[in-house]
C-alpha atoms as a PDB file:
ATOM      1  CA  MET A   1     -17.793-202.444-109.454  1.00  0.00           C
ATOM      2  CA  LYS A   2     -17.368-205.637-111.325  1.00  0.00           C
ATOM      3  CA  ARG A   3     -13.639-204.465-112.197  1.00  0.00           C
ATOM      4  CA  ARG A   4     -13.122-204.130-108.169  1.00  0.00           C
ATOM      5  CA  ALA A   5     -14.729-207.635-107.738  1.00  0.00           C
ATOM      6  CA  GLY A   6     -12.382-209.121-110.289  1.00  0.00           C
ATOM      7  CA  ILE A   7      -9.246-207.448-108.372  1.00  0.00           C
ATOM      8  CA  PHE A   8     -10.462-208.602-105.145  1.00  0.00           C
ATOM      9  CA  THR A   9     -10.877-212.276-106.581  1.00  0.00           C
ATOM     10  CA  PHE A  10      -7.413-212.316-107.912  1.00  0.00           C
ATOM     11  CA  LEU A  11      -5.527-210.969-104.637  1.00  0.00           C
ATOM     12  CA  LEU A  12      -7.938-213.828-102.814  1.00  0.00           C
ATOM     13  CA  LEU A  13      -6.290-216.401-105.324  1.00  0.00           C
ATOM     14  CA  GLY A  14      -3.052-215.570-104.547  1.00  0.00           C
ATOM     15  CA  LEU A  15      -3.075-215.585-100.913  1.00  0.00           C
ATOM     16  CA  ILE A  16      -4.879-219.026-101.307  1.00  0.00           C
ATOM     17  CA  SER A  17      -2.018-220.532-103.332  1.00  0.00           C
ATOM     18  CA  LEU A  18       0.804-218.861-101.527  1.00  0.00           C
ATOM     19  CA  HIS A  19      -0.468-219.960 -97.885  1.00  0.00           C
ATOM     20  CA  ALA A  20      -2.627-223.137 -99.066  1.00  0.00           C
ATOM     21  CA  GLN A  21       0.370-225.602 -97.636  1.00  0.00           C
ATOM     22  CA  LEU A  22       1.943-224.346 -94.537  1.00  0.00           C
ATOM     23  CA  TYR A  23       5.247-225.773 -93.912  1.00  0.00           C
ATOM     24  CA  TYR A  24       4.524-226.853 -90.177  1.00  0.00           C
ATOM     25  CA  PHE A  25       4.541-230.299 -88.140  1.00  0.00           C
ATOM     26  CA  ASP A  26       2.967-230.241 -84.665  1.00  0.00           C
ATOM     27  CA  ILE A  27       5.060-231.381 -81.818  1.00  0.00           C
ATOM     28  CA  GLY A  28       2.350-231.314 -80.050  1.00  0.00           C
ATOM     29  CA  LYS A  29       2.550-233.473 -76.736  1.00  0.00           C
ATOM     30  CA  LYS A  30       5.361-235.921 -78.104  1.00  0.00           C
ATOM     31  CA  LYS A  31       7.802-237.127 -75.372  1.00  0.00           C
ATOM     32  CA  ASP A  32      10.067-238.578 -77.588  1.00  0.00           C
ATOM     33  CA  ALA A  33      13.080-237.150 -78.007  1.00  0.00           C
ATOM     34  CA  PHE A  34      14.237-237.909 -81.478  1.00  0.00           C
ATOM     35  CA  THR A  35      10.610-237.214 -82.229  1.00  0.00           C
ATOM     36  CA  VAL A  36      10.754-233.941 -80.819  1.00  0.00           C
ATOM     37  CA  ASN A  37      14.147-232.719 -81.901  1.00  0.00           C
ATOM     38  CA  PHE A  38      13.465-233.782 -85.259  1.00  0.00           C
ATOM     39  CA  LEU A  39      10.546-231.921 -85.516  1.00  0.00           C
ATOM     40  CA  SER A  40      11.720-228.925 -83.892  1.00  0.00           C
ATOM     41  CA  LEU A  41      14.653-228.576 -86.556  1.00  0.00           C
ATOM     42  CA  MET A  42      12.117-229.773 -89.549  1.00  0.00           C
ATOM     43  CA  ASN A  43       9.974-226.065 -88.318  1.00  0.00           C
ATOM     44  CA  ASP A  44      13.133-223.921 -87.965  1.00  0.00           C
ATOM     45  CA  ALA A  45      14.377-224.914 -91.953  1.00  0.00           C
ATOM     46  CA  PRO A  46      12.796-221.692 -93.598  1.00  0.00           C
ATOM     47  CA  ASN A  47      15.056-219.622 -90.587  1.00  0.00           C
ATOM     48  CA  LYS A  48      17.875-221.414 -91.627  1.00  0.00           C
ATOM     49  CA  PHE A  49      18.174-223.478 -88.144  1.00  0.00           C
ATOM     50  CA  VAL A  50      19.317-220.171 -86.406  1.00  0.00           C
ATOM     51  CA  HIS A  51      17.537-220.773 -83.439  1.00  0.00           C
ATOM     52  CA  TYR A  52      19.551-224.097 -82.911  1.00  0.00           C
ATOM     53  CA  LYS A  53      22.860-222.809 -84.198  1.00  0.00           C
ATOM     54  CA  GLY A  54      25.471-222.996 -81.653  1.00  0.00           C
ATOM     55  CA  LYS A  55      29.274-222.169 -81.469  1.00  0.00           C
ATOM     56  CA  MET A  56      31.687-222.383 -84.141  1.00  0.00           C
ATOM     57  CA  SER A  57      33.273-225.958 -83.788  1.00  0.00           C
ATOM     58  CA  SER A  58      36.648-227.140 -83.695  1.00  0.00           C
ATOM     59  CA  LEU A  59      36.059-230.147 -85.004  1.00  0.00           C
ATOM     60  CA  TRP A  60      37.693-231.469 -88.094  1.00  0.00           C
ATOM     61  CA  ASP A  61      37.159-233.803 -90.999  1.00  0.00           C
ATOM     62  CA  THR A  62      37.558-235.180 -94.484  1.00  0.00           C
ATOM     63  CA  ILE A  63      34.172-234.409 -95.514  1.00  0.00           C
ATOM     64  CA  HIS A  64      33.725-230.801 -94.925  1.00  0.00           C
ATOM     65  CA  LEU A  65      36.953-229.453 -95.944  1.00  0.00           C
ATOM     66  CA  GLY A  66      35.834-226.193 -97.325  1.00  0.00           C
ATOM     67  CA  SER A  67      32.490-225.562 -94.906  1.00  0.00           C
ATOM     68  CA  HIS A  68      32.064-223.542 -91.840  1.00  0.00           C
ATOM     69  CA  ILE A  69      30.919-225.437 -89.011  1.00  0.00           C
ATOM     70  CA  ASN A  70      29.053-224.824 -85.902  1.00  0.00           C
ATOM     71  CA  GLN A  71      27.782-226.560 -83.216  1.00  0.00           C
ATOM     72  CA  LEU A  72      24.457-227.608 -82.690  1.00  0.00           C
ATOM     73  CA  LYS A  73      22.156-226.636 -79.836  1.00  0.00           C
ATOM     74  CA  ILE A  74      20.032-229.846 -79.813  1.00  0.00           C
ATOM     75  CA  THR A  75      20.948-233.445 -81.591  1.00  0.00           C
ATOM     76  CA  LEU A  76      19.734-236.303 -82.608  1.00  0.00           C
ATOM     77  CA  PRO A  77      19.856-239.339 -80.043  1.00  0.00           C
ATOM     78  CA  GLY A  78      21.551-242.185 -81.528  1.00  0.00           C
ATOM     79  CA  SER A  79      23.973-240.036 -83.505  1.00  0.00           C
ATOM     80  CA  ILE A  80      27.884-239.329 -82.779  1.00  0.00           C
ATOM     81  CA  VAL A  81      28.407-235.830 -83.953  1.00  0.00           C
ATOM     82  CA  ALA A  82      26.121-233.207 -84.544  1.00  0.00           C
ATOM     83  CA  ARG A  83      27.136-230.215 -86.896  1.00  0.00           C
ATOM     84  CA  TYR A  84      25.518-227.086 -88.345  1.00  0.00           C
ATOM     85  CA  VAL A  85      27.032-226.692 -91.942  1.00  0.00           C
ATOM     86  CA  GLN A  86      27.516-223.715 -94.256  1.00  0.00           C
ATOM     87  CA  ASP A  87      28.911-224.058 -97.491  1.00  0.00           C
ATOM     88  CA  SER A  88      26.616-223.503-100.923  1.00  0.00           C
ATOM     89  CA  THR A  89      23.651-223.702 -98.510  1.00  0.00           C
ATOM     90  CA  PHE A  90      22.816-224.297 -94.748  1.00  0.00           C
ATOM     91  CA  TYR A  91      21.796-227.485 -93.431  1.00  0.00           C
ATOM     92  CA  CYS A  92      22.246-229.883 -90.577  1.00  0.00           C
ATOM     93  CA  GLU A  93      24.209-232.978 -90.316  1.00  0.00           C
ATOM     94  CA  PHE A  94      24.532-236.035 -87.867  1.00  0.00           C
ATOM     95  CA  LEU A  95      27.034-238.425 -88.323  1.00  0.00           C
ATOM     96  CA  MET A  96      24.918-242.112 -87.257  1.00  0.00           C
ATOM     97  CA  GLY A  97      27.734-243.946 -87.455  1.00  0.00           C
ATOM     98  CA  TYR A  98      30.779-246.132 -89.463  1.00  0.00           C
ATOM     99  CA  TYR A  99      30.493-249.827 -91.005  1.00  0.00           C
ATOM    100  CA  GLU A 100      32.942-252.359 -91.916  1.00  0.00           C
ATOM    101  CA  THR A 101      30.712-253.351 -95.224  1.00  0.00           C
ATOM    102  CA  LEU A 102      28.161-251.280 -97.024  1.00  0.00           C
ATOM    103  CA  GLU A 103      25.603-253.861 -96.333  1.00  0.00           C
ATOM    104  CA  GLU A 104      25.681-252.870 -92.841  1.00  0.00           C
ATOM    105  CA  ALA A 105      25.699-249.458 -93.851  1.00  0.00           C
ATOM    106  CA  THR A 106      22.786-249.883 -96.000  1.00  0.00           C
ATOM    107  CA  ALA A 107      21.005-251.612 -93.149  1.00  0.00           C
ATOM    108  CA  GLY A 108      21.440-248.903 -90.831  1.00  0.00           C
ATOM    109  CA  MET A 109      20.382-246.451 -94.028  1.00  0.00           C
ATOM    110  CA  ASN A 110      17.093-248.141 -93.952  1.00  0.00           C
ATOM    111  CA  GLU A 111      16.220-248.308 -90.269  1.00  0.00           C
ATOM    112  CA  TRP A 112      17.028-244.720 -89.668  1.00  0.00           C
ATOM    113  CA  THR A 113      14.970-243.890 -92.588  1.00  0.00           C
ATOM    114  CA  ASP A 114      11.967-245.883 -91.128  1.00  0.00           C
ATOM    115  CA  LYS A 115      12.585-243.779 -87.797  1.00  0.00           C
ATOM    116  CA  ILE A 116      12.354-240.613 -89.835  1.00  0.00           C
ATOM    117  CA  SER A 117       9.017-242.243 -91.614  1.00  0.00           C
ATOM    118  CA  LYS A 118       7.544-243.056 -88.147  1.00  0.00           C
ATOM    119  CA  THR A 119       8.460-239.776 -86.537  1.00  0.00           C
ATOM    120  CA  LEU A 120       6.422-237.563 -89.424  1.00  0.00           C
ATOM    121  CA  SER A 121       3.582-240.209 -88.935  1.00  0.00           C
ATOM    122  CA  ARG A 122       4.351-242.441 -92.144  1.00  0.00           C
ATOM    123  CA  ARG A 123       3.389-239.307 -94.200  1.00  0.00           C
ATOM    124  CA  VAL A 124       6.419-239.402 -96.700  1.00  0.00           C
ATOM    125  CA  VAL A 125       7.699-239.822 -99.821  1.00  0.00           C
ATOM    126  CA  VAL A 126      11.010-241.539-100.551  1.00  0.00           C
ATOM    127  CA  ASN A 127      13.162-241.284-103.388  1.00  0.00           C
ATOM    128  CA  LYS A 128      16.080-244.109-103.386  1.00  0.00           C
ATOM    129  CA  HIS A 129      19.260-243.233-105.153  1.00  0.00           C
ATOM    130  CA  ASP A 130      21.932-245.974-105.582  1.00  0.00           C
ATOM    131  CA  TYR A 131      24.730-244.091-107.152  1.00  0.00           C
ATOM    132  CA  GLY A 132      26.891-247.177-107.603  1.00  0.00           C
ATOM    133  CA  PRO A 133      30.143-248.502-106.569  1.00  0.00           C
ATOM    134  CA  ASP A 134      32.646-246.066-107.495  1.00  0.00           C
ATOM    135  CA  GLY A 135      33.189-243.015-105.952  1.00  0.00           C
ATOM    136  CA  SER A 136      32.608-241.944-102.339  1.00  0.00           C
ATOM    137  CA  PHE A 137      28.579-240.977-102.494  1.00  0.00           C
ATOM    138  CA  LEU A 138      27.528-244.261-102.612  1.00  0.00           C
ATOM    139  CA  LYS A 139      24.106-244.481-101.496  1.00  0.00           C
ATOM    140  CA  GLU A 140      21.364-241.562-100.529  1.00  0.00           C
ATOM    141  CA  ASN A 141      17.573-241.988 -99.297  1.00  0.00           C
ATOM    142  CA  LYS A 142      15.912-238.888-100.245  1.00  0.00           C
ATOM    143  CA  ILE A 143      12.698-237.799 -98.097  1.00  0.00           C
ATOM    144  CA  CYS A 144       9.812-235.854 -98.876  1.00  0.00           C
ATOM    145  CA  ALA A 145       7.374-235.084 -95.963  1.00  0.00           C
ATOM    146  CA  ALA A 146       3.770-235.724 -97.614  1.00  0.00           C
ATOM    147  CA  GLN A 147       0.302-234.541 -97.239  1.00  0.00           C
ATOM    148  CA  HIS A 148      -3.059-235.999 -98.625  1.00  0.00           C
ATOM    149  CA  SER A 149      -2.929-233.753-101.859  1.00  0.00           C
ATOM    150  CA  GLY A 150       1.080-234.187-102.362  1.00  0.00           C
ATOM    151  CA  PHE A 151       4.147-233.668-100.795  1.00  0.00           C
ATOM    152  CA  PHE A 152       7.394-231.147 -99.939  1.00  0.00           C
ATOM    153  CA  HIS A 153      10.296-231.472-102.023  1.00  0.00           C
ATOM    154  CA  PRO A 154      12.611-233.260-100.528  1.00  0.00           C
ATOM    155  CA  ASN A 155      14.833-231.591 -97.341  1.00  0.00           C
ATOM    156  CA  ILE A 156      16.321-234.811 -95.886  1.00  0.00           C
ATOM    157  CA  SER A 157      18.829-236.918 -96.977  1.00  0.00           C
ATOM    158  CA  VAL A 158      20.310-240.254 -95.424  1.00  0.00           C
ATOM    159  CA  GLN A 159      23.197-241.099 -97.089  1.00  0.00           C
ATOM    160  CA  ILE A 160      26.151-243.280 -96.923  1.00  0.00           C
ATOM    161  CA  THR A 161      29.810-242.465 -97.930  1.00  0.00           C
ATOM    162  CA  ARG A 162      33.192-243.888 -98.659  1.00  0.00           C
ATOM    163  CA  VAL A 163      35.674-242.668 -96.139  1.00  0.00           C
ATOM    164  CA  LEU A 164      38.934-242.895 -98.531  1.00  0.00           C
ATOM    165  CA  THR A 165      41.305-242.592 -95.544  1.00  0.00           C
ATOM    166  CA  ASN A 166      40.085-245.872 -93.811  1.00  0.00           C
ATOM    167  CA  ASN A 167      37.510-247.427 -96.403  1.00  0.00           C
ATOM    168  CA  MET A 168      34.924-247.244 -93.887  1.00  0.00           C
ATOM    169  CA  TYR A 169      31.514-246.463 -94.765  1.00  0.00           C
ATOM    170  CA  ARG A 170      29.810-243.503 -92.974  1.00  0.00           C
ATOM    171  CA  LEU A 171      26.258-243.273 -92.404  1.00  0.00           C
ATOM    172  CA  ALA A 172      24.912-239.869 -91.713  1.00  0.00           C
ATOM    173  CA  ILE A 173      21.253-237.603 -91.924  1.00  0.00           C
ATOM    174  CA  GLN A 174      20.832-234.177 -93.223  1.00  0.00           C
ATOM    175  CA  LEU A 175      18.411-231.503 -92.782  1.00  0.00           C
ATOM    176  CA  TYR A 176      18.568-228.927 -95.309  1.00  0.00           C
ATOM    177  CA  SER A 177      17.474-225.292 -94.858  1.00  0.00           C
ATOM    178  CA  GLY A 178      14.512-223.133 -96.627  1.00  0.00           C
ATOM    179  CA  LYS A 179      10.629-223.611 -97.145  1.00  0.00           C
ATOM    180  CA  PRO A 180      10.790-226.136-100.061  1.00  0.00           C
ATOM    181  CA  TYR A 181       8.312-226.220-102.670  1.00  0.00           C
ATOM    182  CA  TYR A 182       5.008-228.136-102.478  1.00  0.00           C
ATOM    183  CA  TYR A 183       4.044-230.507-105.290  1.00  0.00           C
ATOM    184  CA  TYR A 184       0.803-231.396-106.106  1.00  0.00           C
ATOM    185  CA  TRP A 185      -0.268-235.140-107.273  1.00  0.00           C
ATOM    186  CA  ILE A 186      -2.027-235.377-110.361  1.00  0.00           C
ATOM    187  CA  ALA A 187      -4.848-238.167-110.225  1.00  0.00           C
ATOM    188  CA  LYS A 188      -5.019-240.414-112.679  1.00  0.00           C
ATOM    189  CA  ASN A 189      -7.746-241.029-115.183  1.00  0.00           C
ATOM    190  CA  GLU A 190      -8.810-237.246-115.115  1.00  0.00           C
ATOM    191  CA  PRO A 191     -11.045-236.251-117.865  1.00  0.00           C
ATOM    192  CA  ILE A 192      -9.147-234.642-120.824  1.00  0.00           C
ATOM    193  CA  GLY A 193     -11.411-231.573-122.434  1.00  0.00           C
ATOM    194  CA  GLY A 194      -9.092-231.162-125.641  1.00  0.00           C
ATOM    195  CA  PHE A 195      -7.319-234.083-127.293  1.00  0.00           C
ATOM    196  CA  ASN A 196      -5.440-232.001-129.860  1.00  0.00           C
ATOM    197  CA  PHE A 197      -4.385-229.405-127.486  1.00  0.00           C
ATOM    198  CA  VAL A 198      -2.702-232.120-125.416  1.00  0.00           C
ATOM    199  CA  ASN A 199      -0.921-233.734-128.148  1.00  0.00           C
ATOM    200  CA  TYR A 200       0.668-230.450-129.258  1.00  0.00           C
ATOM    201  CA  VAL A 201       1.910-229.821-125.631  1.00  0.00           C
ATOM    202  CA  LYS A 202       3.746-233.493-125.544  1.00  0.00           C
ATOM    203  CA  ASN A 203       5.056-232.811-128.987  1.00  0.00           C
ATOM    204  CA  THR A 204       6.633-229.810-128.176  1.00  0.00           C
ATOM    205  CA  PHE A 205       8.519-231.484-125.275  1.00  0.00           C
ATOM    206  CA  LEU A 206       9.490-234.071-127.991  1.00  0.00           C
ATOM    207  CA  ALA A 207      10.324-231.766-130.590  1.00  0.00           C
ATOM    208  CA  TYR A 208      13.092-229.725-128.701  1.00  0.00           C
ATOM    209  CA  ASN A 209      16.565-229.281-130.221  1.00  0.00           C
ATOM    210  CA  ILE A 210      18.975-227.111-128.695  1.00  0.00           C
ATOM    211  CA  LYS A 211      20.177-225.778-131.858  1.00  0.00           C
ATOM    212  CA  SER A 212      16.829-224.981-134.191  1.00  0.00           C
ATOM    213  CA  LYS A 213      15.407-221.271-133.461  1.00  0.00           C
ATOM    214  CA  GLY A 214      12.153-220.417-132.813  1.00  0.00           C
ATOM    215  CA  CYS A 215       9.364-222.437-131.184  1.00  0.00           C
ATOM    216  CA  PRO A 216       9.451-225.988-132.424  1.00  0.00           C
ATOM    217  CA  VAL A 217       5.732-226.791-132.696  1.00  0.00           C
ATOM    218  CA  GLU A 218       2.868-224.735-133.906  1.00  0.00           C
ATOM    219  CA  ILE A 219       0.082-224.575-130.973  1.00  0.00           C
ATOM    220  CA  PRO A 220      -3.171-223.404-132.037  1.00  0.00           C
ATOM    221  CA  ALA A 221      -4.414-220.224-130.549  1.00  0.00           C
ATOM    222  CA  TYR A 222      -1.448-219.835-129.349  1.00  0.00           C
ATOM    223  CA  THR A 223       1.322-217.323-130.794  1.00  0.00           C
ATOM    224  CA  CYS A 224       4.800-218.228-130.607  1.00  0.00           C
ATOM    225  CA  LYS A 225       7.178-215.685-128.576  1.00  0.00           C
ATOM    226  CA  GLY A 226      10.297-217.435-129.012  1.00  0.00           C
ATOM    227  CA  ARG A 227      13.131-218.209-127.064  1.00  0.00           C
ATOM    228  CA  GLU A 228      15.157-216.904-124.113  1.00  0.00           C
ATOM    229  CA  VAL A 229      17.672-217.763-121.816  1.00  0.00           C
ATOM    230  CA  LEU A 230      17.786-217.090-118.215  1.00  0.00           C
ATOM    231  CA  ASN A 231      20.427-218.363-116.180  1.00  0.00           C
ATOM    232  CA  ASP A 232      21.283-221.654-117.250  1.00  0.00           C
ATOM    233  CA  SER A 233      17.813-222.604-118.534  1.00  0.00           C
ATOM    234  CA  GLU A 234      16.344-222.102-121.761  1.00  0.00           C
ATOM    235  CA  PHE A 235      12.605-220.982-122.185  1.00  0.00           C
ATOM    236  CA  ILE A 236      10.447-221.166-125.570  1.00  0.00           C
ATOM    237  CA  ASN A 237       7.547-218.733-124.863  1.00  0.00           C
ATOM    238  CA  TYR A 238       4.268-219.573-126.448  1.00  0.00           C
ATOM    239  CA  GLY A 239       0.915-216.625-125.515  1.00  0.00           C
ATOM    240  CA  LYS A 240      -2.576-216.139-126.101  1.00  0.00           C
ATOM    241  CA  VAL A 241      -4.482-212.975-125.962  1.00  0.00           C
ATOM    242  CA  GLY A 242      -7.941-211.627-127.289  1.00  0.00           C
ATOM    243  CA  PHE A 243      -9.858-212.284-123.636  1.00  0.00           C
ATOM    244  CA  GLU A 244     -12.596-210.060-122.930  1.00  0.00           C
ATOM    245  CA  GLY A 245     -11.402-208.927-119.443  1.00  0.00           C
ATOM    246  CA  PHE A 246     -10.252-210.698-116.313  1.00  0.00           C
ATOM    247  CA  MET A 247     -12.972-213.262-116.248  1.00  0.00           C
ATOM    248  CA  ASP A 248     -13.039-214.400-119.771  1.00  0.00           C
ATOM    249  CA  ALA A 249      -9.104-214.568-119.231  1.00  0.00           C
ATOM    250  CA  ARG A 250      -9.493-216.527-115.647  1.00  0.00           C
ATOM    251  CA  ALA A 251     -11.823-218.810-116.952  1.00  0.00           C
ATOM    252  CA  GLN A 252      -9.775-219.890-120.039  1.00  0.00           C
ATOM    253  CA  TYR A 253      -6.759-220.224-117.990  1.00  0.00           C
ATOM    254  CA  ASP A 254      -8.440-222.830-115.570  1.00  0.00           C
ATOM    255  CA  VAL A 255      -9.599-224.594-118.568  1.00  0.00           C
ATOM    256  CA  THR A 256      -6.261-224.812-119.914  1.00  0.00           C
ATOM    257  CA  PHE A 257      -4.886-225.796-116.210  1.00  0.00           C
ATOM    258  CA  GLY A 258      -7.493-228.605-116.328  1.00  0.00           C
ATOM    259  CA  ASN A 259      -6.232-229.742-119.543  1.00  0.00           C
ATOM    260  CA  LEU A 260      -2.847-229.619-118.900  1.00  0.00           C
ATOM    261  CA  ARG A 261      -3.427-232.059-115.571  1.00  0.00           C
ATOM    262  CA  ALA A 262      -5.212-234.895-117.695  1.00  0.00           C
ATOM    263  CA  SER A 263      -2.711-234.670-120.159  1.00  0.00           C
ATOM    264  CA  LEU A 264       0.274-234.923-118.288  1.00  0.00           C
ATOM    265  CA  GLY A 265      -0.940-237.337-115.925  1.00  0.00           C
ATOM    266  CA  SER A 266       0.155-239.225-112.895  1.00  0.00           C
ATOM    267  CA  GLU A 267       4.151-239.067-114.064  1.00  0.00           C
ATOM    268  CA  TYR A 268       3.749-235.389-113.708  1.00  0.00           C
ATOM    269  CA  VAL A 269       3.068-233.439-110.203  1.00  0.00           C
ATOM    270  CA  TYR A 270       2.923-229.343-110.155  1.00  0.00           C
ATOM    271  CA  PHE A 271       3.673-226.339-107.752  1.00  0.00           C
ATOM    272  CA  MET A 272       3.102-222.827-107.276  1.00  0.00           C
ATOM    273  CA  VAL A 273       5.728-221.070-109.037  1.00  0.00           C
ATOM    274  CA  PRO A 274       6.756-217.575-106.941  1.00  0.00           C
ATOM    275  CA  TYR A 275       6.075-214.366-109.516  1.00  0.00           C
ATOM    276  CA  LYS A 276       6.360-210.595-109.823  1.00  0.00           C
ATOM    277  CA  ARG A 277       3.812-208.458-111.955  1.00  0.00           C
ATOM    278  CA  PRO A 278       2.675-208.681-114.434  1.00  0.00           C
ATOM    279  CA  PHE A 279       2.285-212.009-113.290  1.00  0.00           C
ATOM    280  CA  LEU A 280      -0.912-213.193-112.049  1.00  0.00           C
ATOM    281  CA  LYS A 281      -0.360-216.285-111.315  1.00  0.00           C
ATOM    282  CA  ARG A 282       2.092-218.985-112.579  1.00  0.00           C
ATOM    283  CA  ILE A 283       1.803-222.788-111.945  1.00  0.00           C
ATOM    284  CA  ALA A 284       4.816-225.214-113.289  1.00  0.00           C
ATOM    285  CA  PHE A 285       4.820-229.118-113.933  1.00  0.00           C
ATOM    286  CA  VAL A 286       7.269-231.374-113.567  1.00  0.00           C
ATOM    287  CA  ARG A 287       8.078-235.229-114.137  1.00  0.00           C
ATOM    288  CA  PHE A 288       7.864-236.993-110.471  1.00  0.00           C
ATOM    289  CA  ASP A 289      11.169-238.625-110.922  1.00  0.00           C
ATOM    290  CA  ASP A 290      12.785-235.436-111.674  1.00  0.00           C
ATOM    291  CA  ILE A 291      11.794-232.986-109.070  1.00  0.00           C
ATOM    292  CA  ASP A 292      15.420-233.605-107.697  1.00  0.00           C
ATOM    293  CA  LEU A 293      17.534-232.733-110.611  1.00  0.00           C
ATOM    294  CA  GLY A 294      19.400-229.939-110.749  1.00  0.00           C
ATOM    295  CA  ARG A 295      18.299-229.381-114.606  1.00  0.00           C
ATOM    296  CA  ARG A 296      14.751-230.521-115.528  1.00  0.00           C
ATOM    297  CA  LYS A 297      11.956-230.214-118.646  1.00  0.00           C
ATOM    298  CA  THR A 298       9.246-227.983-116.884  1.00  0.00           C
ATOM    299  CA  LEU A 299       6.425-226.520-118.203  1.00  0.00           C
ATOM    300  CA  ILE A 300       5.238-223.140-116.869  1.00  0.00           C
ATOM    301  CA  HIS A 301       1.929-221.999-117.334  1.00  0.00           C
ATOM    302  CA  SER A 302       1.188-218.268-116.670  1.00  0.00           C
ATOM    303  CA  ILE A 303      -1.250-215.501-116.551  1.00  0.00           C
ATOM    304  CA  MET A 304      -0.623-212.436-116.432  1.00  0.00           C
ATOM    305  CA  GLU A 305      -2.025-208.579-116.652  1.00  0.00           C
ATOM    306  CA  LYS A 306      -0.926-205.381-119.142  1.00  0.00           C
ATOM    307  CA  ASP A 307      -1.914-202.172-119.431  1.00  0.00           C
ATOM    308  CA  LYS A 308      -3.715-201.449-123.081  1.00  0.00           C
ATOM    309  CA  PRO A 309      -1.853-199.420-125.541  1.00  0.00           C
ATOM    310  CA  VAL A 310      -5.095-197.512-126.305  1.00  0.00           C
ATOM    311  CA  ILE A 311      -7.413-197.338-123.447  1.00  0.00           C
ATOM    312  CA  THR A 312     -11.588-197.182-124.914  1.00  0.00           C
ATOM    313  CA  ASN A 313     -13.238-198.023-121.823  1.00  0.00           C
ATOM    314  CA  SER A 314     -13.035-196.480-118.541  1.00  0.00           C
ATOM    315  CA  TYR A 315     -14.265-199.983-117.071  1.00  0.00           C
ATOM    316  CA  ASN A 316     -11.421-202.174-119.091  1.00  0.00           C
ATOM    317  CA  ARG A 317      -8.047-200.900-119.034  1.00  0.00           C
ATOM    318  CA  LYS A 318      -6.059-203.860-118.616  1.00  0.00           C
ATOM    319  CA  ASP A 319      -5.312-206.836-120.931  1.00  0.00           C
ATOM    320  CA  TYR A 320      -4.907-210.179-120.046  1.00  0.00           C
ATOM    321  CA  GLU A 321      -2.208-213.147-121.709  1.00  0.00           C
ATOM    322  CA  ILE A 322      -1.854-216.814-120.966  1.00  0.00           C
ATOM    323  CA  TRP A 323       1.626-218.363-121.674  1.00  0.00           C
ATOM    324  CA  LEU A 324       3.042-221.517-121.980  1.00  0.00           C
ATOM    325  CA  SER A 325       6.609-221.694-121.300  1.00  0.00           C
ATOM    326  CA  PHE A 326       8.674-224.822-121.919  1.00  0.00           C
ATOM    327  CA  VAL A 327      12.272-224.572-119.791  1.00  0.00           C
ATOM    328  CA  TYR A 328      14.883-227.000-120.852  1.00  0.00           C
END
């Protein structure tokens, strides 16, 4: 009975983790055309905007030379051209105008950023980027839809590019497809339950050396599982075993999770990582300033369930292991 209860608890916790933050924006009785159309597209982002994808477009420009372009069935009031673009990803793009000076384009970018913020009830996080005067991609406001506990990965961009053929400044809004990760805030001044553990975790991040072998720092109670390379990222893994069944492993997993939140602090956020068995749960920590980087230092906190090599108790056929994975 206890074993069944434990399994049910983990299944329930898994469902809560996957569905705790609903990616949906209520249109309700809103009548403003910009708001209705913008939120409709946001809601269809997980479906690659398939409900608003129109016919193939015959328009040509110097920006989308290698892309497949389709029309959009709806537009945003104030835009000149609306496009459905498919290249390495799927996104909707709205051309908002051309400007003779960067100052005018910047003012326009800020106005449309404020318009989008108002459309999302001012519940947004805006990351402003200035890429400098060189090149064609100059400025960008990346916008994240936010809730009380955190925010979604940025999937809105208001950007300025330079048109090299006439030296004009092009202002556009882009909405990206897919269901974005939801990042949870870490409250300031959370109580720390293990000061030594905190220092070991931070030192592991600082001591990383791409040329070294094994684990850079020893973490008490954890065993170095070695390094592995997946895609273009390197993982340094630590494991902890020796739990008395599911409930003991879960309790220690939760204690470690609390210590990680407190030790990393409010400059970090965390999100639920998709997983397959033998993992039962995976949570990743990343610096807030790094969320939109292609490669970023990440700490993944995992718990997994394995079959015991030798079964001595019919009610305890599983082993549990907690992992700390430092990703570079």
